[in-house]
C-alpha atoms as a PDB file:
ATOM      1  CA  MET A   1      81.686  43.084 132.724  1.00  0.00           C
ATOM      2  CA  ALA A   2      78.236  42.367 133.501  1.00  0.00           C
ATOM      3  CA  ARG A   3      76.444  45.272 135.292  1.00  0.00           C
ATOM      4  CA  GLY A   4      73.111  45.006 137.240  1.00  0.00           C
ATOM      5  CA  PRO A   5      73.973  42.368 140.526  1.00  0.00           C
ATOM      6  CA  ALA A   6      77.013  42.059 140.156  1.00  0.00           C
ATOM      7  CA  LEU A   7      78.112  45.451 140.284  1.00  0.00           C
ATOM      8  CA  TRP A   8      78.549  44.676 143.977  1.00  0.00           C
ATOM      9  CA  LEU A   9      82.166  43.339 142.512  1.00  0.00           C
ATOM     10  CA  GLY A  10      83.484  46.713 141.733  1.00  0.00           C
ATOM     11  CA  PRO A  11      83.859  48.155 145.324  1.00  0.00           C
ATOM     12  CA  LEU A  12      85.037  44.716 146.632  1.00  0.00           C
ATOM     13  CA  LEU A  13      88.060  44.583 143.946  1.00  0.00           C
ATOM     14  CA  LEU A  14      89.083  48.210 144.905  1.00  0.00           C
ATOM     15  CA  VAL A  15      89.081  47.767 148.568  1.00  0.00           C
ATOM     16  CA  SER A  16      90.778  44.337 148.161  1.00  0.00           C
ATOM     17  CA  LEU A  17      93.563  46.637 146.763  1.00  0.00           C
ATOM     18  CA  TRP A  18      95.174  47.471 150.137  1.00  0.00           C
ATOM     19  CA  ALA A  19      92.278  46.336 152.860  1.00  0.00           C
ATOM     20  CA  SER A  20      93.969  44.335 154.831  1.00  0.00           C
ATOM     21  CA  SER A  21      96.762  46.728 155.564  1.00  0.00           C
ATOM     22  CA  ALA A  22      93.993  49.448 155.617  1.00  0.00           C
ATOM     23  CA  PRO A  23      92.589  50.473 158.868  1.00  0.00           C
ATOM     24  CA  ALA A  24      88.936  50.301 160.004  1.00  0.00           C
ATOM     25  CA  SER A  25      88.608  54.087 159.918  1.00  0.00           C
ATOM     26  CA  LEU A  26      89.983  54.399 156.265  1.00  0.00           C
ATOM     27  CA  LEU A  27      87.709  51.336 155.171  1.00  0.00           C
ATOM     28  CA  ARG A  28      84.511  52.954 156.834  1.00  0.00           C
ATOM     29  CA  CYS A  29      86.017  56.493 154.775  1.00  0.00           C
ATOM     30  CA  LEU A  30      85.085  54.353 151.760  1.00  0.00           C
ATOM     31  CA  ALA A  31      81.781  52.758 152.624  1.00  0.00           C
ATOM     32  CA  GLU A  32      80.847  56.260 153.383  1.00  0.00           C
ATOM     33  CA  HIS A  33      81.368  57.377 150.235  1.00  0.00           C
ATOM     34  CA  MET A  34      79.797  54.238 148.389  1.00  0.00           C
ATOM     35  CA  GLN A  35      77.067  55.135 150.797  1.00  0.00           C
ATOM     36  CA  GLN A  36      76.816  58.957 149.811  1.00  0.00           C
ATOM     37  CA  PHE A  37      77.441  57.755 145.743  1.00  0.00           C
ATOM     38  CA  GLN A  38      73.844  55.512 145.910  1.00  0.00           C
ATOM     39  CA  GLU A  39      72.016  57.992 146.885  1.00  0.00           C
ATOM     40  CA  SER A  40      73.332  60.614 144.598  1.00  0.00           C
ATOM     41  CA  SER A  41      74.151  58.542 141.464  1.00  0.00           C
ATOM     42  CA  SER A  42      71.518  58.726 138.795  1.00  0.00           C
ATOM     43  CA  LEU A  43      72.922  55.346 137.771  1.00  0.00           C
ATOM     44  CA  GLY A  44      70.454  53.111 140.471  1.00  0.00           C
ATOM     45  CA  LEU A  45      73.702  51.701 141.814  1.00  0.00           C
ATOM     46  CA  SER A  46      72.938  48.704 144.090  1.00  0.00           C
ATOM     47  CA  LEU A  47      75.311  46.898 146.600  1.00  0.00           C
ATOM     48  CA  GLY A  48      72.229  45.133 147.695  1.00  0.00           C
ATOM     49  CA  PRO A  49      70.035  44.753 151.120  1.00  0.00           C
ATOM     50  CA  GLY A  50      72.277  45.833 154.437  1.00  0.00           C
ATOM     51  CA  ALA A  51      75.482  46.205 151.867  1.00  0.00           C
ATOM     52  CA  VAL A  52      75.712  49.984 152.908  1.00  0.00           C
ATOM     53  CA  ALA A  53      76.890  49.538 156.357  1.00  0.00           C
ATOM     54  CA  LEU A  54      80.128  50.688 157.766  1.00  0.00           C
ATOM     55  CA  PRO A  55      82.424  48.351 158.510  1.00  0.00           C
ATOM     56  CA  LYS A  56      83.717  47.719 161.717  1.00  0.00           C
ATOM     57  CA  GLU A  57      86.749  48.010 163.668  1.00  0.00           C
ATOM     58  CA  GLY A  58      88.081  44.091 163.714  1.00  0.00           C
ATOM     59  CA  TRP A  59      85.578  43.929 160.586  1.00  0.00           C
ATOM     60  CA  LEU A  60      88.082  41.908 158.177  1.00  0.00           C
ATOM     61  CA  GLU A  61      89.041  39.797 160.493  1.00  0.00           C
ATOM     62  CA  GLN A  62      86.171  38.321 161.768  1.00  0.00           C
ATOM     63  CA  PRO A  63      85.466  34.409 161.231  1.00  0.00           C
ATOM     64  CA  LEU A  64      84.558  33.847 157.080  1.00  0.00           C
ATOM     65  CA  ASP A  65      82.570  31.385 155.651  1.00  0.00           C
ATOM     66  CA  PRO A  66      83.643  31.938 152.348  1.00  0.00           C
ATOM     67  CA  PHE A  67      79.824  30.453 150.917  1.00  0.00           C
ATOM     68  CA  ASN A  68      77.911  33.070 152.881  1.00  0.00           C
ATOM     69  CA  ALA A  69      76.823  35.206 150.165  1.00  0.00           C
ATOM     70  CA  SER A  70      75.193  37.375 152.160  1.00  0.00           C
ATOM     71  CA  ASP A  71      79.178  38.257 153.189  1.00  0.00           C
ATOM     72  CA  ARG A  72      80.248  40.663 151.792  1.00  0.00           C
ATOM     73  CA  ARG A  73      83.913  39.950 152.759  1.00  0.00           C
ATOM     74  CA  SER A  74      83.862  37.032 151.386  1.00  0.00           C
ATOM     75  CA  PHE A  75      85.349  37.379 147.912  1.00  0.00           C
ATOM     76  CA  LEU A  76      87.946  39.473 149.461  1.00  0.00           C
ATOM     77  CA  GLN A  77      88.947  37.308 152.078  1.00  0.00           C
ATOM     78  CA  VAL A  78      89.213  34.406 150.054  1.00  0.00           C
ATOM     79  CA  VAL A  79      91.256  36.476 147.367  1.00  0.00           C
ATOM     80  CA  ILE A  80      93.515  37.568 150.322  1.00  0.00           C
ATOM     81  CA  GLN A  81      93.731  33.699 151.838  1.00  0.00           C
ATOM     82  CA  SER A  82      94.340  31.904 148.898  1.00  0.00           C
ATOM     83  CA  LEU A  83      97.316  33.748 147.793  1.00  0.00           C
ATOM     84  CA  GLY A  84      98.717  33.330 151.564  1.00  0.00           C
ATOM     85  CA  GLN A  85      98.956  37.395 152.054  1.00  0.00           C
ATOM     86  CA  ARG A  86      97.913  40.281 154.418  1.00  0.00           C
ATOM     87  CA  CYS A  87      97.383  42.752 152.015  1.00  0.00           C
ATOM     88  CA  LEU A  88      97.259  42.712 148.137  1.00  0.00           C
ATOM     89  CA  SER A  89     100.103  45.172 145.910  1.00  0.00           C
ATOM     90  CA  SER A  90      98.425  47.961 143.783  1.00  0.00           C
ATOM     91  CA  SER A  91     101.447  48.592 142.178  1.00  0.00           C
ATOM     92  CA  ARG A  92     101.872  47.344 138.271  1.00  0.00           C
ATOM     93  CA  ALA A  93     105.604  46.964 138.647  1.00  0.00           C
ATOM     94  CA  GLU A  94     105.524  44.662 141.457  1.00  0.00           C
ATOM     95  CA  THR A  95     102.704  42.404 139.814  1.00  0.00           C
ATOM     96  CA  VAL A  96     104.537  41.922 136.626  1.00  0.00           C
ATOM     97  CA  ALA A  97     107.994  41.508 138.612  1.00  0.00           C
ATOM     98  CA  GLN A  98     105.337  38.782 140.583  1.00  0.00           C
ATOM     99  CA  LEU A  99     104.051  37.039 137.443  1.00  0.00           C
ATOM    100  CA  LYS A 100     107.497  36.664 136.018  1.00  0.00           C
ATOM    101  CA  VAL A 101     108.636  34.163 138.528  1.00  0.00           C
ATOM    102  CA  THR A 102     108.981  30.578 137.461  1.00  0.00           C
ATOM    103  CA  GLU A 103     110.233  29.061 141.032  1.00  0.00           C
ATOM    104  CA  PRO A 104     107.281  27.668 142.829  1.00  0.00           C
ATOM    105  CA  GLN A 105     105.724  29.759 145.328  1.00  0.00           C
ATOM    106  CA  VAL A 106     104.122  29.717 148.297  1.00  0.00           C
ATOM    107  CA  SER A 107     101.762  32.264 147.617  1.00  0.00           C
ATOM    108  CA  GLY A 108      99.845  33.459 144.767  1.00  0.00           C
ATOM    109  CA  VAL A 109      99.604  29.930 143.325  1.00  0.00           C
ATOM    110  CA  GLY A 110      98.303  29.854 140.203  1.00  0.00           C
ATOM    111  CA  ASP A 111      98.413  33.250 139.295  1.00  0.00           C
ATOM    112  CA  ARG A 112     101.091  32.659 136.326  1.00  0.00           C
ATOM    113  CA  GLN A 113      99.133  29.703 135.212  1.00  0.00           C
ATOM    114  CA  TRP A 114      95.410  31.608 134.901  1.00  0.00           C
ATOM    115  CA  VAL A 115      97.946  34.734 132.972  1.00  0.00           C
ATOM    116  CA  TYR A 116      99.151  32.358 130.797  1.00  0.00           C
ATOM    117  CA  GLN A 117      96.089  30.849 129.586  1.00  0.00           C
ATOM    118  CA  THR A 118      93.641  33.988 129.583  1.00  0.00           C
ATOM    119  CA  CYS A 119      96.966  34.979 126.832  1.00  0.00           C
ATOM    120  CA  THR A 120      96.948  31.697 124.709  1.00  0.00           C
ATOM    121  CA  GLU A 121      93.462  30.426 125.339  1.00  0.00           C
ATOM    122  CA  PHE A 122      90.550  32.338 125.687  1.00  0.00           C
ATOM    123  CA  GLY A 123      90.415  35.808 127.481  1.00  0.00           C
ATOM    124  CA  PHE A 124      88.271  36.123 130.293  1.00  0.00           C
ATOM    125  CA  TYR A 125      89.173  39.698 130.844  1.00  0.00           C
ATOM    126  CA  VAL A 126      87.145  41.214 133.825  1.00  0.00           C
ATOM    127  CA  THR A 127      86.538  45.541 132.613  1.00  0.00           C
ATOM    128  CA  CYS A 128      85.400  48.317 133.413  1.00  0.00           C
ATOM    129  CA  GLU A 129      84.950  50.079 130.609  1.00  0.00           C
ATOM    130  CA  ASP A 130      81.414  51.156 129.665  1.00  0.00           C
ATOM    131  CA  PRO A 131      80.865  54.469 130.463  1.00  0.00           C
ATOM    132  CA  GLY A 132      77.972  54.046 133.131  1.00  0.00           C
ATOM    133  CA  CYS A 133      80.795  52.089 134.950  1.00  0.00           C
ATOM    134  CA  PRO A 134      81.308  53.968 138.747  1.00  0.00           C
ATOM    135  CA  PHE A 135      84.750  52.754 139.197  1.00  0.00           C
ATOM    136  CA  SER A 136      87.527  52.669 138.477  1.00  0.00           C
ATOM    137  CA  LYS A 137      88.887  52.573 134.729  1.00  0.00           C
ATOM    138  CA  LEU A 138      92.373  51.280 135.558  1.00  0.00           C
ATOM    139  CA  PRO A 139      91.082  47.385 134.441  1.00  0.00           C
ATOM    140  CA  ALA A 140      90.786  48.292 130.875  1.00  0.00           C
ATOM    141  CA  LEU A 141      91.730  45.720 128.285  1.00  0.00           C
ATOM    142  CA  PRO A 142      94.707  47.028 127.151  1.00  0.00           C
ATOM    143  CA  SER A 143      95.802  46.704 130.625  1.00  0.00           C
ATOM    144  CA  GLN A 144      95.265  43.752 131.019  1.00  0.00           C
ATOM    145  CA  LEU A 145      96.675  42.285 127.299  1.00  0.00           C
ATOM    146  CA  ALA A 146      99.760  44.113 128.191  1.00  0.00           C
ATOM    147  CA  LEU A 147     100.596  41.808 130.380  1.00  0.00           C
ATOM    148  CA  CYS A 148     100.770  38.958 128.118  1.00  0.00           C
ATOM    149  CA  GLU A 149     103.307  41.021 126.508  1.00  0.00           C
ATOM    150  CA  GLN A 150     105.397  42.063 129.757  1.00  0.00           C
ATOM    151  CA  VAL A 151     105.438  38.695 131.025  1.00  0.00           C
ATOM    152  CA  PHE A 152     105.210  36.318 128.555  1.00  0.00           C
ATOM    153  CA  GLY A 153     106.467  38.149 125.188  1.00  0.00           C
ATOM    154  CA  LEU A 154     102.914  37.347 123.590  1.00  0.00           C
ATOM    155  CA  SER A 155     101.470  40.501 121.683  1.00  0.00           C
ATOM    156  CA  ILE A 156      98.025  41.524 121.545  1.00  0.00           C
ATOM    157  CA  SER A 157      97.215  39.982 117.803  1.00  0.00           C
ATOM    158  CA  SER A 158      98.378  36.784 118.898  1.00  0.00           C
ATOM    159  CA  VAL A 159      96.030  36.915 121.910  1.00  0.00           C
ATOM    160  CA  ALA A 160      93.373  37.372 119.523  1.00  0.00           C
ATOM    161  CA  GLN A 161      94.049  34.632 117.521  1.00  0.00           C
ATOM    162  CA  ALA A 162      94.601  32.182 120.047  1.00  0.00           C
ATOM    163  CA  VAL A 163      90.941  33.197 121.388  1.00  0.00           C
ATOM    164  CA  ALA A 164      89.264  33.155 117.718  1.00  0.00           C
ATOM    165  CA  ARG A 165      91.413  29.626 117.320  1.00  0.00           C
ATOM    166  CA  THR A 166      89.682  28.702 120.993  1.00  0.00           C
ATOM    167  CA  ASN A 167      86.217  29.279 119.950  1.00  0.00           C
ATOM    168  CA  SER A 168      86.676  27.915 116.547  1.00  0.00           C
ATOM    169  CA  TYR A 169      88.178  24.642 117.968  1.00  0.00           C
ATOM    170  CA  TYR A 170      85.158  23.871 120.824  1.00  0.00           C
ATOM    171  CA  GLY A 171      82.181  26.179 119.109  1.00  0.00           C
ATOM    172  CA  GLY A 172      82.413  29.395 121.228  1.00  0.00           C
ATOM    173  CA  GLN A 173      78.746  30.077 122.747  1.00  0.00           C
ATOM    174  CA  THR A 174      77.201  26.764 120.216  1.00  0.00           C
ATOM    175  CA  PRO A 175      79.428  23.871 121.019  1.00  0.00           C
ATOM    176  CA  GLY A 176      77.730  21.460 119.432  1.00  0.00           C
ATOM    177  CA  ALA A 177      77.960  18.786 122.483  1.00  0.00           C
ATOM    178  CA  THR A 178      75.702  15.934 123.828  1.00  0.00           C
ATOM    179  CA  ARG A 179      75.200  15.680 127.720  1.00  0.00           C
ATOM    180  CA  VAL A 180      76.128  18.904 128.803  1.00  0.00           C
ATOM    181  CA  LEU A 181      74.833  21.229 131.609  1.00  0.00           C
ATOM    182  CA  PHE A 182      76.115  24.734 131.492  1.00  0.00           C
ATOM    183  CA  VAL A 183      75.255  26.077 134.747  1.00  0.00           C
ATOM    184  CA  ASN A 184      76.232  29.907 136.191  1.00  0.00           C
ATOM    185  CA  GLY A 185      74.702  32.265 138.819  1.00  0.00           C
ATOM    186  CA  ASP A 186      73.668  35.836 137.366  1.00  0.00           C
ATOM    187  CA  THR A 187      75.792  37.613 139.577  1.00  0.00           C
ATOM    188  CA  ASP A 188      78.951  35.963 138.161  1.00  0.00           C
ATOM    189  CA  PRO A 189      80.658  38.822 135.952  1.00  0.00           C
ATOM    190  CA  TRP A 190      81.767  35.546 133.643  1.00  0.00           C
ATOM    191  CA  TYR A 191      78.683  34.145 132.942  1.00  0.00           C
ATOM    192  CA  VAL A 192      77.749  36.302 130.209  1.00  0.00           C
ATOM    193  CA  LEU A 193      80.640  34.104 128.128  1.00  0.00           C
ATOM    194  CA  SER A 194      78.516  31.185 128.680  1.00  0.00           C
ATOM    195  CA  VAL A 195      75.569  29.544 127.319  1.00  0.00           C
ATOM    196  CA  THR A 196      72.789  31.043 129.660  1.00  0.00           C
ATOM    197  CA  GLN A 197      70.074  29.597 127.049  1.00  0.00           C
ATOM    198  CA  ALA A 198      68.985  25.643 125.601  1.00  0.00           C
ATOM    199  CA  LEU A 199      70.534  24.835 122.628  1.00  0.00           C
ATOM    200  CA  GLY A 200      68.609  21.449 122.083  1.00  0.00           C
ATOM    201  CA  PRO A 201      67.558  18.401 124.374  1.00  0.00           C
ATOM    202  CA  SER A 202      71.529  17.472 124.813  1.00  0.00           C
ATOM    203  CA  GLU A 203      73.095  20.676 125.794  1.00  0.00           C
ATOM    204  CA  SER A 204      71.166  22.190 128.307  1.00  0.00           C
ATOM    205  CA  ALA A 205      71.481  25.680 130.689  1.00  0.00           C
ATOM    206  CA  LEU A 206      70.673  26.917 134.215  1.00  0.00           C
ATOM    207  CA  LEU A 207      71.271  30.272 135.173  1.00  0.00           C
ATOM    208  CA  ILE A 208      70.612  30.393 138.688  1.00  0.00           C
ATOM    209  CA  PRO A 209      69.294  33.811 140.498  1.00  0.00           C
ATOM    210  CA  SER A 210      71.148  35.699 142.869  1.00  0.00           C
ATOM    211  CA  ALA A 211      74.188  33.135 142.666  1.00  0.00           C
ATOM    212  CA  SER A 212      77.988  33.786 142.173  1.00  0.00           C
ATOM    213  CA  HIS A 213      80.776  31.937 140.937  1.00  0.00           C
ATOM    214  CA  CYS A 214      80.736  28.304 141.079  1.00  0.00           C
ATOM    215  CA  LEU A 215      78.106  28.863 144.124  1.00  0.00           C
ATOM    216  CA  ASP A 216      76.688  25.547 143.102  1.00  0.00           C
ATOM    217  CA  MET A 217      79.180  23.359 143.784  1.00  0.00           C
ATOM    218  CA  ALA A 218      79.629  24.512 147.492  1.00  0.00           C
ATOM    219  CA  PRO A 219      78.470  22.487 150.360  1.00  0.00           C
ATOM    220  CA  GLU A 220      74.861  23.284 151.192  1.00  0.00           C
ATOM    221  CA  ARG A 221      74.586  25.720 153.982  1.00  0.00           C
ATOM    222  CA  PRO A 222      70.694  27.115 155.409  1.00  0.00           C
ATOM    223  CA  SER A 223      71.790  30.007 154.789  1.00  0.00           C
ATOM    224  CA  ASP A 224      71.482  28.861 150.990  1.00  0.00           C
ATOM    225  CA  SER A 225      68.631  30.924 148.754  1.00  0.00           C
ATOM    226  CA  PRO A 226      65.639  29.466 147.191  1.00  0.00           C
ATOM    227  CA  SER A 227      66.894  29.166 144.082  1.00  0.00           C
ATOM    228  CA  LEU A 228      70.560  28.164 144.934  1.00  0.00           C
ATOM    229  CA  LEU A 229      68.445  25.152 146.094  1.00  0.00           C
ATOM    230  CA  LEU A 230      66.092  24.561 143.502  1.00  0.00           C
ATOM    231  CA  GLY A 231      69.458  25.041 141.185  1.00  0.00           C
ATOM    232  CA  ARG A 232      71.200  22.173 142.718  1.00  0.00           C
ATOM    233  CA  GLN A 233      68.146  20.092 142.514  1.00  0.00           C
ATOM    234  CA  HIS A 234      67.959  20.648 138.894  1.00  0.00           C
ATOM    235  CA  ILE A 235      71.680  19.279 138.724  1.00  0.00           C
ATOM    236  CA  SER A 236      70.819  16.560 140.272  1.00  0.00           C
ATOM    237  CA  GLN A 237      67.910  15.082 138.184  1.00  0.00           C
ATOM    238  CA  GLN A 238      69.420  16.171 134.743  1.00  0.00           C
ATOM    239  CA  LEU A 239      72.577  14.011 136.051  1.00  0.00           C
ATOM    240  CA  GLN A 240      70.952  11.255 137.555  1.00  0.00           C
ATOM    241  CA  THR A 241      68.642  11.095 133.919  1.00  0.00           C
ATOM    242  CA  TRP A 242      71.695  10.865 131.773  1.00  0.00           C
ATOM    243  CA  LEU A 243      73.561   8.592 134.115  1.00  0.00           C
ATOM    244  CA  ARG A 244      69.750   6.305 133.545  1.00  0.00           C
ATOM    245  CA  LEU A 245      69.990   6.781 129.744  1.00  0.00           C
ATOM    246  CA  ALA A 246      73.907   5.675 129.757  1.00  0.00           C
ATOM    247  CA  LYS A 247      73.356   2.684 131.722  1.00  0.00           C
ATOM    248  CA  GLU A 248      70.381   1.845 129.244  1.00  0.00           C
ATOM    249  CA  SER A 249      72.077   2.309 126.252  1.00  0.00           C
ATOM    250  CA  GLN A 250      75.301   0.074 127.819  1.00  0.00           C
ATOM    251  CA  GLY A 251      72.784  -2.323 128.983  1.00  0.00           C
ATOM    252  CA  ARG A 252      71.384  -2.739 124.809  1.00  0.00           C
ATOM    253  CA  GLY A 253      74.871  -2.921 123.402  1.00  0.00           C
ATOM    254  CA  GLY A 254      75.582   1.199 122.796  1.00  0.00           C
ATOM    255  CA  VAL A 255      78.493   2.720 123.644  1.00  0.00           C
END
């Protein structure tokens, strides 16, 4: 898992296991613990400006703006609302049982498909195994890989082979593509798996400071950071350039 700006994701992942069913007093206790940890830790953990403010009654129930990066509830509530649930279970047995369900579901749509794709194509496991990781060691790689076998009967060796095959087919972090702009935000844990530096004139890369997962595709808002606004402008300009070049090529009888 990426460290640095993405560390605030850790407590949210922990809270997401039980937050919406927990009383506000429990949330406040967690925040107090995190604040004490920040003050005493030699790791220099930072959850961002204002992130240590203690939750109040009704904190989670307030209206949500899912694209407001400064609202630390956003990740938690987006997950809960997208799953159609009031809380997320922390039971491994329940997780495995839910992933084994093949009938159409009202909630948890896409969970089984996503896990299957990680097992058969590209991995993409967010873990916390680094010695400096201040959070739970539970989301370790062996635990993630075990789901492939428990749910789909796929061995760990088959997952490794599938990831290697995918990287070989698509080129991994050197895909050799043309007219591709790789866009990432540096607070997205998955950006380390992407292309973050230009590989050539036709393979550009854009790493937006302080931007989270897919934030560049969200509607513009007054609260958007200057770096995000500049990032969107860069994307627009690059697309316009490629569209112009494509039109000129068609005019000359090219493809």
